[in-house]
N, C-alpha and C. Protein backbone atom coordinates (compact mmCIF):
# COMPACT_ATOMS: atom_id res chain seq x y z
N UNK A 1 17.03 13.28 7.07
CA UNK A 1 15.74 12.77 7.06
C UNK A 1 15.90 11.48 5.79
N UNK A 2 15.12 10.48 6.05
CA UNK A 2 15.40 9.35 5.31
C UNK A 2 14.64 9.41 3.88
N UNK A 3 15.23 9.66 2.64
CA UNK A 3 14.36 9.49 1.75
C UNK A 3 13.55 8.82 1.29
N UNK A 4 13.37 7.54 1.66
CA UNK A 4 12.54 6.48 1.56
C UNK A 4 11.29 6.72 2.51
N UNK A 5 11.26 7.30 3.31
CA UNK A 5 9.99 7.59 4.28
C UNK A 5 9.46 8.80 4.05
N UNK A 6 8.16 8.72 3.84
CA UNK A 6 7.53 9.68 3.59
C UNK A 6 7.27 10.71 4.71
N UNK A 7 7.11 12.10 4.28
CA UNK A 7 7.10 13.12 5.26
C UNK A 7 5.88 13.03 6.05
N UNK A 8 4.86 12.76 5.81
CA UNK A 8 3.59 12.53 6.52
C UNK A 8 2.68 11.56 5.84
N UNK A 9 1.75 10.96 6.60
CA UNK A 9 0.83 9.59 6.08
C UNK A 9 0.35 10.10 4.70
N UNK A 10 0.08 9.13 3.85
CA UNK A 10 -0.61 9.46 2.96
C UNK A 10 -1.98 9.66 2.89
N UNK A 11 -2.38 10.68 1.77
CA UNK A 11 -3.83 11.12 1.97
C UNK A 11 -4.36 9.81 1.17
N UNK A 12 -5.91 9.87 1.61
CA UNK A 12 -6.59 8.82 1.20
C UNK A 12 -7.06 9.14 -0.29
N UNK A 13 -6.99 8.17 -0.98
CA UNK A 13 -7.56 8.39 -2.31
C UNK A 13 -9.03 8.47 -2.58
N UNK A 14 -9.43 7.68 -1.86
CA UNK A 14 -11.33 7.47 -1.72
C UNK A 14 -11.62 7.62 -0.19
N UNK A 15 -12.70 8.48 -0.30
CA UNK A 15 -13.26 8.96 1.23
C UNK A 15 -13.52 7.74 2.21
N UNK A 16 -13.37 7.76 3.41
CA UNK A 16 -13.35 6.64 4.26
C UNK A 16 -15.01 6.54 4.58
N UNK A 17 -15.35 5.39 4.75
CA UNK A 17 -16.94 5.30 5.30
C UNK A 17 -17.03 5.29 6.59
N UNK A 18 -18.10 5.52 7.32
CA UNK A 18 -18.06 5.41 8.72
C UNK A 18 -18.07 4.11 9.33
N UNK A 19 -16.88 3.50 9.12
CA UNK A 19 -16.76 2.19 9.56
C UNK A 19 -15.19 1.81 10.06
N UNK A 20 -15.43 0.66 11.11
CA UNK A 20 -14.12 0.32 11.67
C UNK A 20 -13.77 -1.07 11.23
N UNK A 21 -12.80 -1.35 10.95
CA UNK A 21 -12.37 -2.54 10.73
C UNK A 21 -11.47 -3.38 11.90
N UNK A 22 -12.14 -4.36 12.34
CA UNK A 22 -11.63 -4.94 13.54
C UNK A 22 -10.82 -6.29 13.31
N UNK A 23 -9.40 -6.10 13.61
CA UNK A 23 -8.61 -7.09 13.33
C UNK A 23 -8.12 -7.93 14.60
N UNK A 24 -8.16 -9.42 14.61
CA UNK A 24 -7.86 -10.31 15.30
C UNK A 24 -6.61 -11.10 15.11
N UNK A 25 -5.26 -10.45 14.90
CA UNK A 25 -4.23 -10.95 14.08
C UNK A 25 -3.34 -12.41 14.43
N UNK A 26 -3.31 -13.14 13.30
CA UNK A 26 -2.75 -14.37 13.57
C UNK A 26 -1.94 -14.71 12.59
N UNK A 27 -1.07 -15.87 12.53
CA UNK A 27 -0.40 -16.62 11.68
C UNK A 27 -1.18 -17.66 10.73
N UNK A 28 -2.21 -18.35 11.29
CA UNK A 28 -2.75 -19.12 10.69
C UNK A 28 -3.94 -18.61 10.31
N UNK A 29 -4.91 -18.13 11.50
CA UNK A 29 -6.28 -17.55 11.14
C UNK A 29 -6.09 -16.14 11.81
N UNK A 30 -6.67 -15.17 10.83
CA UNK A 30 -6.85 -13.70 11.29
C UNK A 30 -8.30 -13.46 11.25
N UNK A 31 -8.73 -13.10 12.10
CA UNK A 31 -10.30 -12.65 12.15
C UNK A 31 -10.52 -11.44 11.77
N UNK A 32 -11.57 -10.94 11.15
CA UNK A 32 -11.88 -9.73 10.83
C UNK A 32 -13.36 -9.36 10.66
N UNK A 33 -13.42 -8.05 11.19
CA UNK A 33 -14.98 -7.53 11.13
C UNK A 33 -15.00 -6.21 10.86
N UNK A 34 -16.01 -5.79 10.05
CA UNK A 34 -16.61 -4.32 9.68
C UNK A 34 -17.57 -4.09 10.08
N UNK A 35 -17.63 -3.07 11.38
CA UNK A 35 -18.75 -2.61 11.68
C UNK A 35 -18.97 -1.09 11.27
N UNK A 36 -20.14 -0.60 11.44
CA UNK A 36 -20.65 0.58 11.10
C UNK A 36 -20.47 1.45 12.43
N UNK A 37 -20.09 2.64 12.22
CA UNK A 37 -19.40 3.44 13.22
C UNK A 37 -20.70 4.36 13.75
N UNK A 38 -21.40 4.19 12.75
CA UNK A 38 -22.91 5.10 13.05
C UNK A 38 -23.91 4.21 13.70
N UNK A 39 -24.79 4.71 14.65
CA UNK A 39 -25.69 3.90 15.19
C UNK A 39 -26.90 3.11 14.21
N UNK A 40 -26.86 2.05 14.36
CA UNK A 40 -27.70 1.01 13.42
C UNK A 40 -28.39 0.16 14.43
N UNK A 41 -29.24 -0.51 14.00
CA UNK A 41 -29.88 -1.88 14.61
C UNK A 41 -29.02 -3.13 14.64
N UNK A 42 -28.18 -3.20 13.49
CA UNK A 42 -27.41 -4.16 13.41
C UNK A 42 -25.81 -3.47 12.94
N UNK A 43 -25.02 -3.12 13.48
CA UNK A 43 -24.00 -2.39 12.72
C UNK A 43 -22.78 -3.26 12.17
N UNK A 44 -23.00 -4.55 12.28
CA UNK A 44 -22.11 -5.62 11.41
C UNK A 44 -22.21 -5.64 10.20
N UNK A 45 -21.70 -5.42 9.50
CA UNK A 45 -21.46 -5.31 7.85
C UNK A 45 -20.87 -6.53 7.26
N UNK A 46 -19.73 -6.91 7.97
CA UNK A 46 -18.97 -8.21 7.16
C UNK A 46 -18.04 -8.73 8.25
N UNK A 47 -17.82 -10.00 8.49
CA UNK A 47 -17.04 -10.40 9.51
C UNK A 47 -16.59 -12.14 8.97
N UNK A 48 -15.26 -12.49 9.14
CA UNK A 48 -15.02 -13.40 8.80
C UNK A 48 -13.25 -14.04 8.98
N UNK A 49 -12.85 -15.08 8.46
CA UNK A 49 -11.44 -15.45 8.87
C UNK A 49 -10.65 -15.27 7.29
N UNK A 50 -9.34 -14.75 7.76
CA UNK A 50 -8.36 -14.76 6.65
C UNK A 50 -7.47 -16.03 7.23
N UNK A 51 -7.60 -17.19 6.23
CA UNK A 51 -6.92 -18.30 6.81
C UNK A 51 -5.70 -18.49 5.86
N UNK A 52 -4.64 -18.58 6.51
CA UNK A 52 -3.26 -18.76 5.77
C UNK A 52 -2.53 -20.25 5.92
N UNK A 53 -1.88 -20.50 4.78
CA UNK A 53 -1.41 -21.81 4.76
C UNK A 53 -0.63 -22.18 5.66
N UNK A 54 -0.44 -22.94 6.82
CA UNK A 54 0.60 -23.36 7.51
C UNK A 54 1.69 -24.08 7.07
N UNK A 55 1.45 -24.54 5.93
CA UNK A 55 2.64 -25.17 5.19
C UNK A 55 3.76 -24.24 4.42
N UNK A 56 3.10 -22.81 4.47
CA UNK A 56 3.94 -21.92 3.76
C UNK A 56 4.96 -21.31 4.48
N UNK A 57 6.29 -20.93 4.16
CA UNK A 57 7.20 -20.14 4.96
C UNK A 57 6.23 -18.91 5.63
N UNK A 58 7.07 -18.50 6.61
CA UNK A 58 6.27 -17.40 7.44
C UNK A 58 6.23 -16.19 6.35
N UNK A 59 7.51 -15.78 5.73
CA UNK A 59 7.07 -14.73 4.76
C UNK A 59 6.19 -14.86 3.88
N UNK A 60 5.71 -15.93 3.28
CA UNK A 60 4.67 -16.11 1.99
C UNK A 60 3.44 -15.82 3.07
N UNK A 61 3.13 -16.24 4.20
CA UNK A 61 2.14 -16.08 5.23
C UNK A 61 1.73 -14.51 5.55
N UNK A 62 2.80 -13.71 5.59
CA UNK A 62 2.82 -12.53 5.87
C UNK A 62 2.48 -11.70 4.79
N UNK A 63 3.01 -12.19 3.61
CA UNK A 63 2.58 -11.57 2.34
C UNK A 63 1.28 -11.78 2.02
N UNK A 64 0.61 -13.06 2.00
CA UNK A 64 -0.75 -13.20 1.87
C UNK A 64 -1.51 -12.53 3.04
N UNK A 65 -1.09 -12.65 4.03
CA UNK A 65 -2.28 -11.75 5.05
C UNK A 65 -1.87 -10.12 4.33
N UNK A 66 -1.21 -9.69 4.01
CA UNK A 66 -1.02 -8.26 3.43
C UNK A 66 -2.02 -8.14 2.41
N UNK A 67 -1.88 -8.97 1.26
CA UNK A 67 -2.84 -9.02 0.04
C UNK A 67 -4.41 -9.17 0.59
N UNK A 68 -4.55 -9.98 1.60
CA UNK A 68 -5.97 -10.08 1.96
C UNK A 68 -6.39 -8.54 2.62
N UNK A 69 -5.53 -8.25 3.67
CA UNK A 69 -5.76 -6.95 4.30
C UNK A 69 -6.09 -5.65 3.29
N UNK A 70 -4.96 -5.51 2.32
CA UNK A 70 -5.07 -4.80 1.41
C UNK A 70 -6.48 -4.83 0.63
N UNK A 71 -6.96 -5.82 0.24
CA UNK A 71 -8.55 -6.08 -0.39
C UNK A 71 -9.57 -5.50 0.54
N UNK A 72 -9.35 -5.92 1.83
CA UNK A 72 -10.52 -5.45 2.83
C UNK A 72 -10.62 -3.98 3.04
N UNK A 73 -9.40 -3.40 2.98
CA UNK A 73 -9.44 -1.98 3.08
C UNK A 73 -9.73 -1.20 1.86
N UNK A 74 -9.54 -1.69 0.97
CA UNK A 74 -9.91 -1.16 -0.49
C UNK A 74 -11.48 -1.40 -0.84
N UNK A 75 -12.09 -2.44 -0.24
CA UNK A 75 -13.42 -2.83 -0.24
C UNK A 75 -14.33 -1.87 0.44
N UNK A 76 -13.81 -1.88 1.77
CA UNK A 76 -14.58 -1.19 3.06
C UNK A 76 -14.49 0.07 3.15
N UNK A 77 -13.08 0.43 2.91
CA UNK A 77 -12.51 1.83 3.01
C UNK A 77 -12.80 2.30 4.50
N UNK A 78 -12.52 1.75 5.60
CA UNK A 78 -12.81 2.05 6.86
C UNK A 78 -12.23 3.51 7.52
N UNK A 79 -12.82 4.07 8.16
CA UNK A 79 -12.39 5.16 8.97
C UNK A 79 -11.12 5.01 9.80
N UNK A 80 -11.12 3.87 10.45
CA UNK A 80 -10.15 3.33 11.17
C UNK A 80 -9.84 2.00 11.33
N UNK A 81 -8.66 1.46 11.73
CA UNK A 81 -8.61 -0.26 11.76
C UNK A 81 -8.23 -0.26 13.42
N UNK A 82 -9.03 -1.42 14.11
CA UNK A 82 -8.68 -1.43 15.56
C UNK A 82 -8.00 -2.90 15.54
N UNK A 83 -6.98 -2.94 16.25
CA UNK A 83 -6.33 -4.32 16.32
C UNK A 83 -5.85 -4.36 17.64
N UNK A 84 -5.76 -5.71 18.10
CA UNK A 84 -5.54 -6.02 19.39
C UNK A 84 -4.28 -5.93 19.69
N UNK A 85 -3.74 -5.21 20.67
CA UNK A 85 -2.41 -5.02 21.00
C UNK A 85 -1.48 -5.99 21.53
N UNK A 86 -0.36 -5.90 21.38
CA UNK A 86 0.39 -6.90 21.66
C UNK A 86 0.62 -7.26 23.09
N UNK A 87 0.41 -8.53 23.32
CA UNK A 87 0.60 -9.01 24.89
C UNK A 87 1.26 -10.03 24.94
N UNK A 88 2.58 -9.87 26.00
CA UNK A 88 3.78 -11.04 26.01
C UNK A 88 3.05 -11.60 27.54
N UNK A 89 3.17 -13.07 27.53
CA UNK A 89 3.11 -13.69 28.70
C UNK A 89 4.29 -14.29 29.08
N UNK A 90 4.82 -14.26 30.23
CA UNK A 90 6.29 -15.07 30.54
C UNK A 90 6.27 -16.36 30.18
N UNK A 91 5.23 -17.23 30.17
CA UNK A 91 5.17 -18.30 29.77
C UNK A 91 5.24 -18.75 28.27
N UNK A 92 4.84 -17.76 27.62
CA UNK A 92 5.04 -17.86 26.12
C UNK A 92 5.44 -16.60 25.47
N UNK A 93 6.65 -16.30 25.75
CA UNK A 93 7.11 -15.38 24.72
C UNK A 93 7.36 -15.50 23.36
N UNK A 94 7.41 -16.64 22.90
CA UNK A 94 7.49 -16.64 21.33
C UNK A 94 6.08 -16.50 20.51
N UNK A 95 5.25 -16.64 21.35
CA UNK A 95 3.56 -16.33 20.86
C UNK A 95 3.29 -14.85 20.44
N UNK A 96 4.08 -13.99 21.52
CA UNK A 96 4.11 -12.52 21.23
C UNK A 96 4.98 -12.25 20.19
N UNK A 97 6.00 -12.61 20.03
CA UNK A 97 6.97 -12.41 19.11
C UNK A 97 6.45 -12.83 17.51
N UNK A 98 5.64 -14.00 17.33
CA UNK A 98 4.81 -14.36 16.36
C UNK A 98 3.72 -13.67 15.87
N UNK A 99 3.02 -13.23 16.91
CA UNK A 99 1.88 -12.43 16.82
C UNK A 99 2.32 -10.77 16.27
N UNK A 100 3.35 -10.42 16.84
CA UNK A 100 3.88 -9.23 16.40
C UNK A 100 4.32 -9.01 14.64
N UNK A 101 4.63 -10.24 13.99
CA UNK A 101 4.86 -10.03 12.76
C UNK A 101 3.53 -9.72 12.08
N UNK A 102 2.31 -10.25 12.72
CA UNK A 102 1.14 -10.40 11.81
C UNK A 102 0.55 -8.88 12.24
N UNK A 103 0.83 -8.30 13.52
CA UNK A 103 0.41 -7.01 13.52
C UNK A 103 1.22 -5.92 12.81
N UNK A 104 2.47 -6.31 12.31
CA UNK A 104 3.24 -5.37 11.71
C UNK A 104 2.74 -5.16 10.23
N UNK A 105 2.07 -6.54 9.84
CA UNK A 105 1.49 -6.42 8.23
C UNK A 105 0.14 -5.58 8.58
N UNK A 106 -0.50 -5.68 9.56
CA UNK A 106 -1.73 -4.61 9.64
C UNK A 106 -1.60 -3.33 9.54
N UNK A 107 -0.47 -2.90 10.41
CA UNK A 107 0.03 -1.63 10.46
C UNK A 107 0.54 -1.21 9.07
N UNK A 108 1.27 -1.97 8.56
CA UNK A 108 1.64 -1.50 7.19
C UNK A 108 0.79 -1.19 6.27
N UNK A 109 -0.27 -2.09 6.15
CA UNK A 109 -1.26 -2.15 5.26
C UNK A 109 -2.08 -0.73 5.49
N UNK A 110 -2.63 -0.83 6.95
CA UNK A 110 -3.31 0.58 7.40
C UNK A 110 -2.60 1.83 6.81
N UNK A 111 -1.28 1.73 7.17
CA UNK A 111 -0.56 3.06 6.92
C UNK A 111 -0.87 3.42 5.20
N UNK A 112 -0.55 2.04 4.53
CA UNK A 112 -0.50 2.21 3.08
C UNK A 112 -1.64 2.74 2.49
N UNK A 113 -2.66 2.43 3.14
CA UNK A 113 -3.95 2.85 2.95
C UNK A 113 -4.76 4.24 3.50
N UNK A 114 -3.61 4.66 4.26
CA UNK A 114 -3.93 6.08 5.04
C UNK A 114 -5.03 5.95 6.19
N UNK A 115 -4.96 4.77 6.83
CA UNK A 115 -6.32 4.65 7.77
C UNK A 115 -5.58 4.50 8.98
N UNK A 116 -6.11 5.29 10.01
CA UNK A 116 -5.37 5.18 11.33
C UNK A 116 -5.61 4.07 12.11
N UNK A 117 -4.76 3.47 12.97
CA UNK A 117 -4.89 2.35 13.74
C UNK A 117 -5.24 2.55 15.19
N UNK A 118 -6.08 1.91 15.78
CA UNK A 118 -6.54 1.96 17.06
C UNK A 118 -5.97 0.62 17.97
N UNK A 119 -4.86 1.04 18.62
CA UNK A 119 -4.60 -0.32 19.54
C UNK A 119 -5.51 -0.24 20.73
N UNK A 120 -5.88 -1.85 20.89
CA UNK A 120 -6.68 -2.19 21.98
C UNK A 120 -6.39 -3.24 22.77
N UNK A 121 -6.08 -3.24 23.98
CA UNK A 121 -5.65 -4.27 24.65
C UNK A 121 -6.64 -5.25 25.05
N UNK A 122 -6.36 -6.58 25.01
CA UNK A 122 -7.29 -7.79 25.10
C UNK A 122 -8.09 -7.47 26.32
N UNK A 123 -7.68 -7.28 27.23
CA UNK A 123 -8.26 -7.03 28.67
C UNK A 123 -9.27 -6.07 28.47
N UNK A 124 -8.83 -4.80 27.97
CA UNK A 124 -9.95 -3.79 27.40
C UNK A 124 -11.06 -4.11 26.88
N UNK A 125 -10.83 -4.99 25.60
CA UNK A 125 -12.07 -5.34 24.96
C UNK A 125 -12.76 -6.18 25.72
N UNK A 126 -12.39 -7.25 26.59
CA UNK A 126 -12.90 -8.01 27.34
C UNK A 126 -13.81 -7.24 28.15
N UNK A 127 -13.21 -6.23 28.99
CA UNK A 127 -13.90 -5.28 30.13
C UNK A 127 -15.01 -4.58 29.13
N UNK A 128 -14.75 -4.14 28.08
CA UNK A 128 -15.63 -3.31 27.46
C UNK A 128 -16.85 -4.08 27.26
N UNK A 129 -16.88 -5.28 26.66
CA UNK A 129 -17.99 -6.30 26.41
C UNK A 129 -18.61 -7.00 27.57
N UNK A 130 -17.92 -7.41 28.35
CA UNK A 130 -18.41 -8.20 29.53
C UNK A 130 -18.25 -7.69 30.93
N UNK A 131 -17.79 -6.46 31.12
CA UNK A 131 -17.39 -5.89 32.34
C UNK A 131 -16.21 -6.56 33.23
N UNK A 132 -16.00 -7.54 32.53
CA UNK A 132 -14.60 -8.18 33.25
C UNK A 132 -13.58 -8.38 32.38
N UNK A 133 -12.24 -7.97 32.76
CA UNK A 133 -11.16 -8.09 31.71
C UNK A 133 -10.60 -9.25 31.41
N UNK A 134 -11.28 -10.27 32.09
CA UNK A 134 -10.45 -11.64 32.02
C UNK A 134 -11.43 -12.94 31.65
N UNK A 135 -12.27 -12.29 30.73
CA UNK A 135 -13.54 -13.21 30.33
C UNK A 135 -13.22 -14.22 29.28
N UNK A 136 -13.73 -15.62 29.24
CA UNK A 136 -13.41 -16.50 28.68
C UNK A 136 -13.61 -16.51 26.80
N UNK A 137 -12.84 -17.18 26.02
CA UNK A 137 -13.49 -17.32 24.73
C UNK A 137 -15.01 -17.17 24.53
N UNK A 138 -15.40 -18.30 25.38
CA UNK A 138 -16.87 -18.42 25.08
C UNK A 138 -17.87 -17.20 25.85
N UNK A 139 -17.57 -16.69 26.61
CA UNK A 139 -18.15 -15.35 27.42
C UNK A 139 -18.08 -14.46 26.07
N UNK A 140 -17.12 -14.35 25.53
CA UNK A 140 -16.74 -13.04 24.82
C UNK A 140 -17.95 -13.51 23.31
N UNK A 141 -17.78 -14.52 22.96
CA UNK A 141 -18.84 -15.13 21.96
C UNK A 141 -19.99 -15.04 22.35
N UNK A 142 -20.67 -15.27 23.39
CA UNK A 142 -21.92 -15.07 23.97
C UNK A 142 -22.26 -13.31 23.97
N UNK A 143 -21.13 -12.39 24.64
CA UNK A 143 -21.19 -11.19 24.77
C UNK A 143 -21.30 -10.65 23.08
N UNK A 144 -20.48 -10.91 22.38
CA UNK A 144 -20.84 -10.26 21.04
C UNK A 144 -22.17 -10.75 20.40
N UNK A 145 -22.62 -11.79 20.55
CA UNK A 145 -23.84 -11.96 20.24
C UNK A 145 -25.06 -11.34 20.50
N UNK A 146 -24.98 -11.09 22.13
CA UNK A 146 -26.04 -10.58 22.82
C UNK A 146 -25.88 -9.10 22.32
N UNK A 147 -24.76 -8.44 22.42
CA UNK A 147 -24.67 -6.93 21.78
C UNK A 147 -25.03 -6.57 20.43
N UNK A 148 -25.07 -7.74 19.64
CA UNK A 148 -25.54 -7.56 18.29
C UNK A 148 -26.67 -8.05 17.90
N UNK A 149 -27.31 -8.79 18.91
CA UNK A 149 -28.58 -9.29 18.59
C UNK A 149 -28.59 -10.33 17.62
N UNK A 150 -27.57 -11.30 17.52
CA UNK A 150 -27.32 -12.41 16.86
C UNK A 150 -27.74 -13.66 17.64
N UNK A 151 -28.64 -14.57 16.76
CA UNK A 151 -29.19 -15.56 17.13
C UNK A 151 -28.21 -16.58 17.81
N UNK A 152 -27.20 -16.78 17.19
CA UNK A 152 -25.99 -17.55 17.46
C UNK A 152 -24.54 -16.77 17.45
N UNK A 153 -23.89 -17.29 18.62
CA UNK A 153 -22.57 -16.70 18.57
C UNK A 153 -21.60 -17.16 17.44
N UNK A 154 -20.94 -15.74 17.18
CA UNK A 154 -19.94 -16.10 16.13
C UNK A 154 -18.84 -17.27 16.15
N UNK A 155 -18.49 -17.94 15.18
CA UNK A 155 -17.56 -18.88 15.23
C UNK A 155 -16.48 -18.79 13.90
N UNK A 156 -15.44 -19.16 14.06
CA UNK A 156 -14.89 -19.74 15.17
C UNK A 156 -14.54 -18.48 16.35
N UNK A 157 -13.71 -18.60 17.27
CA UNK A 157 -13.76 -17.33 18.14
C UNK A 157 -12.61 -16.33 17.68
N UNK A 158 -12.04 -16.30 16.67
CA UNK A 158 -11.35 -15.36 16.04
C UNK A 158 -12.17 -14.28 15.24
N UNK A 159 -13.18 -14.74 14.69
CA UNK A 159 -14.46 -13.82 14.47
C UNK A 159 -15.00 -12.93 15.59
N UNK A 160 -15.58 -13.84 16.41
CA UNK A 160 -15.94 -12.93 17.74
C UNK A 160 -15.04 -12.06 18.36
N UNK A 161 -13.75 -12.55 18.38
CA UNK A 161 -12.69 -11.57 18.91
C UNK A 161 -12.61 -10.17 18.00
N UNK A 162 -12.67 -10.32 16.61
CA UNK A 162 -12.30 -9.19 15.77
C UNK A 162 -13.69 -8.57 15.74
N UNK A 163 -14.78 -8.84 15.98
CA UNK A 163 -16.12 -8.14 16.05
C UNK A 163 -16.07 -7.42 17.22
N UNK A 164 -15.28 -8.07 18.39
CA UNK A 164 -15.09 -7.38 19.72
C UNK A 164 -14.28 -6.19 19.68
N UNK A 165 -13.23 -6.40 19.10
CA UNK A 165 -12.25 -5.47 18.67
C UNK A 165 -12.92 -4.54 18.02
N UNK A 166 -13.51 -4.64 17.08
CA UNK A 166 -14.09 -3.61 16.31
C UNK A 166 -15.24 -2.64 17.30
N UNK A 167 -15.88 -3.58 17.99
CA UNK A 167 -16.82 -2.69 18.72
C UNK A 167 -16.12 -1.90 19.72
N UNK A 168 -15.16 -1.98 20.35
CA UNK A 168 -14.40 -1.32 21.27
C UNK A 168 -13.74 -0.28 20.31
N UNK A 169 -13.10 -0.50 19.12
CA UNK A 169 -12.66 0.43 18.15
C UNK A 169 -13.68 1.61 17.85
N UNK A 170 -14.79 1.04 17.70
CA UNK A 170 -15.83 2.06 17.44
C UNK A 170 -16.29 3.12 18.67
N UNK A 171 -16.39 2.43 19.85
CA UNK A 171 -16.38 3.26 20.90
C UNK A 171 -15.06 4.18 21.23
N UNK A 172 -14.11 3.67 21.02
CA UNK A 172 -12.86 4.65 21.19
C UNK A 172 -12.84 5.76 20.27
N UNK A 173 -13.01 5.49 19.05
CA UNK A 173 -12.97 6.50 18.13
C UNK A 173 -14.41 7.54 18.44
N UNK A 174 -15.46 7.03 18.97
CA UNK A 174 -16.67 7.98 19.21
C UNK A 174 -16.19 8.68 20.43
N UNK A 175 -15.77 8.22 21.34
CA UNK A 175 -15.39 8.92 22.61
C UNK A 175 -13.98 9.46 22.93
N UNK A 176 -13.37 9.77 21.95
CA UNK A 176 -11.91 10.25 22.01
C UNK A 176 -11.04 9.64 22.82
N UNK A 177 -10.95 8.04 22.87
CA UNK A 177 -10.27 7.43 23.56
C UNK A 177 -10.86 6.70 24.93
N UNK A 178 -11.90 7.33 25.21
CA UNK A 178 -12.37 6.88 26.77
C UNK A 178 -13.38 5.50 26.35
N UNK A 179 -13.25 4.67 26.96
CA UNK A 179 -13.68 3.19 26.95
C UNK A 179 -14.85 3.14 28.31
N UNK A 180 -16.11 2.84 27.65
CA UNK A 180 -16.97 2.59 29.04
C UNK A 180 -17.62 0.94 28.79
N UNK A 181 -18.07 0.14 29.52
CA UNK A 181 -18.66 -1.32 29.14
C UNK A 181 -19.80 -0.66 28.18
N UNK A 182 -20.16 -1.48 27.21
CA UNK A 182 -21.41 -1.54 26.62
C UNK A 182 -22.57 -2.09 27.19
N UNK A 183 -23.48 -1.03 27.38
CA UNK A 183 -24.67 -1.50 28.14
C UNK A 183 -24.50 -1.21 29.80
N UNK A 184 -22.98 -0.76 30.17
CA UNK A 184 -22.69 -0.67 31.37
C UNK A 184 -22.95 0.81 31.85
N UNK A 185 -22.42 1.10 33.08
CA UNK A 185 -22.99 2.40 33.68
C UNK A 185 -22.34 3.42 32.73
N UNK A 186 -23.01 4.81 32.89
CA UNK A 186 -22.39 5.67 31.66
C UNK A 186 -21.80 6.80 32.46
């Protein structure tokens, strides 16, 4: 047994709230959204962007991302973190490798806070919100606005994606892993 590895996940020091933190990971911009997991007219509590300095070395951007995520986790104490699953396209393998760095920071900070992580494939998020697994960024922004009753679509797309990931995470958490389109057939 490795003496540095904990025997089990750390216990939460503070009780979790009934919310899900959705993360759209990136090395320049990471979108985040906190949604209430209990039914409400508008479950959106907070959404935004964590901007990382492109002039900084990769290790410093990852460090900054970790600090920002730690603050979000401490402030909102979500019951779960929903994060976009890693996807590698054969034309852009480097993108997947770089994205994995940001996802790793999300996993470490969630584990440090004792919060379970829900992996959600991008196609699953798109299908859940639009009924189509290959929706465009614009379609996703409009679907998020319609689902939450927002008068304007969230900008930039990273915020809309994080909200969509959180919405999907709320559904997965509430249905034991089964995902159905929002507003679609039950």
